[in-house]
PDB file of N, CA and C in Angstrom:
ATOM      1  N   UNK A   1     100.690 119.839  98.624  1.00  0.00           N
ATOM      2  CA  UNK A   1      99.357 119.396  98.975  1.00  0.00           C
ATOM      3  C   UNK A   1      99.449 118.648 100.310  1.00  0.00           C
ATOM      4  N   UNK A   2      98.619 119.000 101.261  1.00  0.00           N
ATOM      5  CA  UNK A   2      98.580 118.317 102.547  1.00  0.00           C
ATOM      6  C   UNK A   2      97.323 117.462 102.601  1.00  0.00           C
ATOM      7  N   UNK A   3      97.501 116.200 102.992  1.00  0.00           N
ATOM      8  CA  UNK A   3      96.378 115.271 103.073  1.00  0.00           C
ATOM      9  C   UNK A   3      96.428 114.517 104.399  1.00  0.00           C
ATOM     10  N   UNK A   4      95.269 114.159 104.901  1.00  0.00           N
ATOM     11  CA  UNK A   4      95.156 113.357 106.112  1.00  0.00           C
ATOM     12  C   UNK A   4      95.395 111.890 105.746  1.00  0.00           C
ATOM     13  N   UNK A   5      96.129 111.175 106.599  1.00  0.00           N
ATOM     14  CA  UNK A   5      96.285 109.735 106.435  1.00  0.00           C
ATOM     15  C   UNK A   5      95.877 109.051 107.738  1.00  0.00           C
ATOM     16  N   UNK A   6      95.525 107.785 107.633  1.00  0.00           N
ATOM     17  CA  UNK A   6      95.254 106.978 108.823  1.00  0.00           C
ATOM     18  C   UNK A   6      96.252 105.825 108.838  1.00  0.00           C
ATOM     19  N   UNK A   7      96.707 105.473 110.024  1.00  0.00           N
ATOM     20  CA  UNK A   7      97.654 104.366 110.178  1.00  0.00           C
ATOM     21  C   UNK A   7      97.137 103.457 111.292  1.00  0.00           C
ATOM     22  N   UNK A   8      97.127 102.155 111.025  1.00  0.00           N
ATOM     23  CA  UNK A   8      96.809 101.197 112.077  1.00  0.00           C
ATOM     24  C   UNK A   8      97.644  99.942 111.880  1.00  0.00           C
ATOM     25  N   UNK A   9      97.855  99.225 112.957  1.00  0.00           N
ATOM     26  CA  UNK A   9      98.640  98.006 112.909  1.00  0.00           C
ATOM     27  C   UNK A   9      97.697  96.811 112.824  1.00  0.00           C
ATOM     28  N   UNK A  10      97.912  95.942 111.839  1.00  0.00           N
ATOM     29  CA  UNK A  10      97.034  94.786 111.690  1.00  0.00           C
ATOM     30  C   UNK A  10      97.468  93.649 112.610  1.00  0.00           C
ATOM     31  N   UNK A  11      96.748  92.546 112.551  1.00  0.00           N
ATOM     32  CA  UNK A  11      97.008  91.424 113.444  1.00  0.00           C
ATOM     33  C   UNK A  11      98.374  90.767 113.226  1.00  0.00           C
ATOM     34  N   UNK A  12      98.991  91.005 112.066  1.00  0.00           N
ATOM     35  CA  UNK A  12     100.318  90.459 111.776  1.00  0.00           C
ATOM     36  C   UNK A  12     101.438  91.436 112.118  1.00  0.00           C
ATOM     37  N   UNK A  13     101.078  92.604 112.646  1.00  0.00           N
ATOM     38  CA  UNK A  13     102.082  93.594 113.028  1.00  0.00           C
ATOM     39  C   UNK A  13     102.457  94.571 111.927  1.00  0.00           C
ATOM     40  N   UNK A  14     101.863  94.435 110.758  1.00  0.00           N
ATOM     41  CA  UNK A  14     102.141  95.336 109.636  1.00  0.00           C
ATOM     42  C   UNK A  14     101.314  96.608 109.821  1.00  0.00           C
ATOM     43  N   UNK A  15     101.918  97.745 109.510  1.00  0.00           N
ATOM     44  CA  UNK A  15     101.208  99.021 109.595  1.00  0.00           C
ATOM     45  C   UNK A  15     100.530  99.301 108.261  1.00  0.00           C
ATOM     46  N   UNK A  16      99.224  99.466 108.306  1.00  0.00           N
ATOM     47  CA  UNK A  16      98.412  99.766 107.124  1.00  0.00           C
ATOM     48  C   UNK A  16      98.126 101.257 107.148  1.00  0.00           C
ATOM     49  N   UNK A  17      98.310 101.906 106.009  1.00  0.00           N
ATOM     50  CA  UNK A  17      98.110 103.347 105.932  1.00  0.00           C
ATOM     51  C   UNK A  17      97.212 103.657 104.737  1.00  0.00           C
ATOM     52  N   UNK A  18      96.269 104.565 104.961  1.00  0.00           N
ATOM     53  CA  UNK A  18      95.306 104.941 103.929  1.00  0.00           C
ATOM     54  C   UNK A  18      95.197 106.458 103.844  1.00  0.00           C
ATOM     55  N   UNK A  19      94.794 106.923 102.674  1.00  0.00           N
ATOM     56  CA  UNK A  19      94.488 108.336 102.488  1.00  0.00           C
ATOM     57  C   UNK A  19      92.996 108.426 102.164  1.00  0.00           C
ATOM     58  N   UNK A  20      92.161 108.762 103.162  1.00  0.00           N
ATOM     59  CA  UNK A  20      90.712 108.759 102.954  1.00  0.00           C
ATOM     60  C   UNK A  20      90.227 109.702 101.855  1.00  0.00           C
ATOM     61  N   UNK A  21      90.992 110.723 101.542  1.00  0.00           N
ATOM     62  CA  UNK A  21      90.586 111.681 100.509  1.00  0.00           C
ATOM     63  C   UNK A  21      90.739 111.139  99.094  1.00  0.00           C
ATOM     64  N   UNK A  22      91.483 110.026  98.969  1.00  0.00           N
ATOM     65  CA  UNK A  22      91.712 109.428  97.657  1.00  0.00           C
ATOM     66  C   UNK A  22      91.259 107.965  97.734  1.00  0.00           C
ATOM     67  N   UNK A  23      90.065 107.666  97.234  1.00  0.00           N
ATOM     68  CA  UNK A  23      89.546 106.305  97.328  1.00  0.00           C
ATOM     69  C   UNK A  23      90.527 105.273  96.756  1.00  0.00           C
ATOM     70  N   UNK A  24      90.757 104.212  97.537  1.00  0.00           N
ATOM     71  CA  UNK A  24      91.632 103.129  97.090  1.00  0.00           C
ATOM     72  C   UNK A  24      93.105 103.376  97.302  1.00  0.00           C
ATOM     73  N   UNK A  25      93.472 104.499  97.869  1.00  0.00           N
ATOM     74  CA  UNK A  25      94.889 104.825  98.074  1.00  0.00           C
ATOM     75  C   UNK A  25      95.332 104.246  99.420  1.00  0.00           C
ATOM     76  N   UNK A  26      95.983 103.085  99.350  1.00  0.00           N
ATOM     77  CA  UNK A  26      96.371 102.326 100.538  1.00  0.00           C
ATOM     78  C   UNK A  26      97.803 101.835 100.351  1.00  0.00           C
ATOM     79  N   UNK A  27      98.550 101.754 101.447  1.00  0.00           N
ATOM     80  CA  UNK A  27      99.882 101.168 101.414  1.00  0.00           C
ATOM     81  C   UNK A  27     100.142 100.514 102.760  1.00  0.00           C
ATOM     82  N   UNK A  28     101.379 100.078 102.964  1.00  0.00           N
ATOM     83  CA  UNK A  28     101.726  99.420 104.218  1.00  0.00           C
ATOM     84  C   UNK A  28     103.222  99.528 104.460  1.00  0.00           C
ATOM     85  N   UNK A  29     103.640  99.112 105.643  1.00  0.00           N
ATOM     86  CA  UNK A  29     105.052  99.101 105.983  1.00  0.00           C
ATOM     87  C   UNK A  29     105.288  98.311 107.253  1.00  0.00           C
ATOM     88  N   UNK A  30     106.532  97.912 107.469  1.00  0.00           N
ATOM     89  CA  UNK A  30     106.885  97.164 108.678  1.00  0.00           C
ATOM     90  C   UNK A  30     106.896  98.064 109.906  1.00  0.00           C
ATOM     91  N   UNK A  31     107.111  99.368 109.686  1.00  0.00           N
ATOM     92  CA  UNK A  31     107.095 100.351 110.767  1.00  0.00           C
ATOM     93  C   UNK A  31     106.161 101.486 110.366  1.00  0.00           C
ATOM     94  N   UNK A  32     105.786 102.320 111.341  1.00  0.00           N
ATOM     95  CA  UNK A  32     104.956 103.485 111.018  1.00  0.00           C
ATOM     96  C   UNK A  32     105.675 104.393 110.034  1.00  0.00           C
ATOM     97  N   UNK A  33     106.965 104.595 110.268  1.00  0.00           N
ATOM     98  CA  UNK A  33     107.742 105.489 109.388  1.00  0.00           C
ATOM     99  C   UNK A  33     107.791 104.949 107.964  1.00  0.00           C
ATOM    100  N   UNK A  34     107.994 103.657 107.817  1.00  0.00           N
ATOM    101  CA  UNK A  34     108.028 103.055 106.478  1.00  0.00           C
ATOM    102  C   UNK A  34     106.668 103.166 105.804  1.00  0.00           C
ATOM    103  N   UNK A  35     105.615 102.925 106.569  1.00  0.00           N
ATOM    104  CA  UNK A  35     104.264 103.032 106.017  1.00  0.00           C
ATOM    105  C   UNK A  35     103.987 104.456 105.556  1.00  0.00           C
ATOM    106  N   UNK A  36     104.418 105.433 106.344  1.00  0.00           N
ATOM    107  CA  UNK A  36     104.198 106.832 105.976  1.00  0.00           C
ATOM    108  C   UNK A  36     104.968 107.193 104.704  1.00  0.00           C
ATOM    109  N   UNK A  37     106.186 106.712 104.571  1.00  0.00           N
ATOM    110  CA  UNK A  37     106.945 106.957 103.336  1.00  0.00           C
ATOM    111  C   UNK A  37     106.250 106.301 102.146  1.00  0.00           C
ATOM    112  N   UNK A  38     105.769 105.076 102.345  1.00  0.00           N
ATOM    113  CA  UNK A  38     105.123 104.341 101.256  1.00  0.00           C
ATOM    114  C   UNK A  38     103.831 105.009 100.805  1.00  0.00           C
ATOM    115  N   UNK A  39     103.056 105.560 101.734  1.00  0.00           N
ATOM    116  CA  UNK A  39     101.793 106.193 101.325  1.00  0.00           C
ATOM    117  C   UNK A  39     102.063 107.473 100.541  1.00  0.00           C
ATOM    118  N   UNK A  40     103.169 108.137 100.839  1.00  0.00           N
ATOM    119  CA  UNK A  40     103.483 109.347 100.065  1.00  0.00           C
ATOM    120  C   UNK A  40     103.680 108.999  98.593  1.00  0.00           C
ATOM    121  N   UNK A  41     104.367 107.904  98.314  1.00  0.00           N
ATOM    122  CA  UNK A  41     104.548 107.466  96.926  1.00  0.00           C
ATOM    123  C   UNK A  41     103.218 107.002  96.334  1.00  0.00           C
ATOM    124  N   UNK A  42     102.433 106.283  97.125  1.00  0.00           N
ATOM    125  CA  UNK A  42     101.123 105.816  96.645  1.00  0.00           C
ATOM    126  C   UNK A  42     100.217 106.993  96.306  1.00  0.00           C
ATOM    127  N   UNK A  43     100.251 108.034  97.133  1.00  0.00           N
ATOM    128  CA  UNK A  43      99.438 109.227  96.880  1.00  0.00           C
ATOM    129  C   UNK A  43      99.829 109.853  95.546  1.00  0.00           C
ATOM    130  N   UNK A  44     101.132 110.005  95.308  1.00  0.00           N
ATOM    131  CA  UNK A  44     101.592 110.581  94.039  1.00  0.00           C
ATOM    132  C   UNK A  44     101.085 109.764  92.856  1.00  0.00           C
ATOM    133  N   UNK A  45     101.202 108.444  92.961  1.00  0.00           N
ATOM    134  CA  UNK A  45     100.763 107.575  91.868  1.00  0.00           C
ATOM    135  C   UNK A  45      99.246 107.630  91.678  1.00  0.00           C
ATOM    136  N   UNK A  46      98.507 107.629  92.776  1.00  0.00           N
ATOM    137  CA  UNK A  46      97.047 107.712  92.677  1.00  0.00           C
ATOM    138  C   UNK A  46      96.608 109.030  92.039  1.00  0.00           C
ATOM    139  N   UNK A  47      97.252 110.122  92.424  1.00  0.00           N
ATOM    140  CA  UNK A  47      96.908 111.421  91.854  1.00  0.00           C
ATOM    141  C   UNK A  47      97.208 111.460  90.363  1.00  0.00           C
ATOM    142  N   UNK A  48      98.335 110.862  89.945  1.00  0.00           N
ATOM    143  CA  UNK A  48      98.673 110.814  88.521  1.00  0.00           C
ATOM    144  C   UNK A  48      97.598 110.068  87.736  1.00  0.00           C
ATOM    145  N   UNK A  49      97.142 108.945  88.262  1.00  0.00           N
ATOM    146  CA  UNK A  49      96.105 108.160  87.591  1.00  0.00           C
ATOM    147  C   UNK A  49      94.807 108.953  87.514  1.00  0.00           C
ATOM    148  N   UNK A  50      94.451 109.627  88.601  1.00  0.00           N
ATOM    149  CA  UNK A  50      93.213 110.402  88.610  1.00  0.00           C
ATOM    150  C   UNK A  50      93.277 111.539  87.587  1.00  0.00           C
ATOM    151  N   UNK A  51      94.437 112.164  87.434  1.00  0.00           N
ATOM    152  CA  UNK A  51      94.605 113.222  86.432  1.00  0.00           C
ATOM    153  C   UNK A  51      94.440 112.633  85.031  1.00  0.00           C
ATOM    154  N   UNK A  52      95.109 111.510  84.781  1.00  0.00           N
ATOM    155  CA  UNK A  52      95.026 110.859  83.468  1.00  0.00           C
ATOM    156  C   UNK A  52      93.591 110.506  83.087  1.00  0.00           C
ATOM    157  N   UNK A  53      92.799 110.098  84.076  1.00  0.00           N
ATOM    158  CA  UNK A  53      91.426 109.685  83.810  1.00  0.00           C
ATOM    159  C   UNK A  53      90.431 110.832  83.908  1.00  0.00           C
ATOM    160  N   UNK A  54      90.916 112.031  84.194  1.00  0.00           N
ATOM    161  CA  UNK A  54      90.036 113.186  84.280  1.00  0.00           C
ATOM    162  C   UNK A  54      89.151 113.185  85.515  1.00  0.00           C
ATOM    163  N   UNK A  55      89.593 112.498  86.539  1.00  0.00           N
ATOM    164  CA  UNK A  55      88.817 112.405  87.773  1.00  0.00           C
ATOM    165  C   UNK A  55      89.225 113.535  88.723  1.00  0.00           C
ATOM    166  N   UNK A  56      88.350 113.915  89.638  1.00  0.00           N
ATOM    167  CA  UNK A  56      88.756 114.887  90.658  1.00  0.00           C
ATOM    168  C   UNK A  56      89.915 114.294  91.465  1.00  0.00           C
ATOM    169  N   UNK A  57      90.836 115.130  91.899  1.00  0.00           N
ATOM    170  CA  UNK A  57      91.995 114.622  92.629  1.00  0.00           C
ATOM    171  C   UNK A  57      91.612 113.967  93.949  1.00  0.00           C
ATOM    172  N   UNK A  58      90.658 114.561  94.639  1.00  0.00           N
ATOM    173  CA  UNK A  58      90.242 114.023  95.931  1.00  0.00           C
ATOM    174  C   UNK A  58      88.725 114.018  96.032  1.00  0.00           C
ATOM    175  N   UNK A  59      88.231 113.338  97.043  1.00  0.00           N
ATOM    176  CA  UNK A  59      86.806 113.357  97.343  1.00  0.00           C
ATOM    177  C   UNK A  59      86.613 114.141  98.640  1.00  0.00           C
ATOM    178  N   UNK A  60      85.400 114.511  98.905  1.00  0.00           N
ATOM    179  CA  UNK A  60      85.095 115.290 100.105  1.00  0.00           C
ATOM    180  C   UNK A  60      85.189 114.386 101.330  1.00  0.00           C
ATOM    181  N   UNK A  61      85.890 114.843 102.329  1.00  0.00           N
ATOM    182  CA  UNK A  61      85.915 114.161 103.620  1.00  0.00           C
ATOM    183  C   UNK A  61      85.476 115.157 104.674  1.00  0.00           C
ATOM    184  N   UNK A  62      84.815 114.651 105.689  1.00  0.00           N
ATOM    185  CA  UNK A  62      84.336 115.512 106.767  1.00  0.00           C
ATOM    186  C   UNK A  62      84.579 114.822 108.091  1.00  0.00           C
ATOM    187  N   UNK A  63      84.642 115.625 109.108  1.00  0.00           N
ATOM    188  CA  UNK A  63      84.716 115.117 110.462  1.00  0.00           C
ATOM    189  C   UNK A  63      83.334 115.260 111.077  1.00  0.00           C
ATOM    190  N   UNK A  64      82.836 114.187 111.666  1.00  0.00           N
ATOM    191  CA  UNK A  64      81.540 114.234 112.331  1.00  0.00           C
ATOM    192  C   UNK A  64      81.718 113.802 113.780  1.00  0.00           C
ATOM    193  N   UNK A  65      80.826 114.260 114.612  1.00  0.00           N
ATOM    194  CA  UNK A  65      80.857 113.896 116.015  1.00  0.00           C
ATOM    195  C   UNK A  65      79.774 112.856 116.278  1.00  0.00           C
ATOM    196  N   UNK A  66      80.167 111.764 116.889  1.00  0.00           N
ATOM    197  CA  UNK A  66      79.235 110.680 117.214  1.00  0.00           C
ATOM    198  C   UNK A  66      79.271 110.483 118.717  1.00  0.00           C
ATOM    199  N   UNK A  67      78.128 110.520 119.329  1.00  0.00           N
ATOM    200  CA  UNK A  67      78.046 110.314 120.773  1.00  0.00           C
ATOM    201  C   UNK A  67      77.840 108.838 121.058  1.00  0.00           C
ATOM    202  N   UNK A  68      78.700 108.299 121.897  1.00  0.00           N
ATOM    203  CA  UNK A  68      78.640 106.863 122.230  1.00  0.00           C
ATOM    204  C   UNK A  68      78.365 106.699 123.707  1.00  0.00           C
TER     205      UNK A  68
END
């Protein structure tokens, strides 16, 4: 399964990583690489919980264009 993730560095220098397709699926790491490894485990755990609860695995995400 391939999923989009977002990574950003917070004010303390920690990398925060999220999977927008899975609500609440968030992790972090001291480096981008560590954060990416951590979100992979978080994704697996989130998907397991969603299966157990009979929830859809992911939610719909879309890309939109906003003119600024």
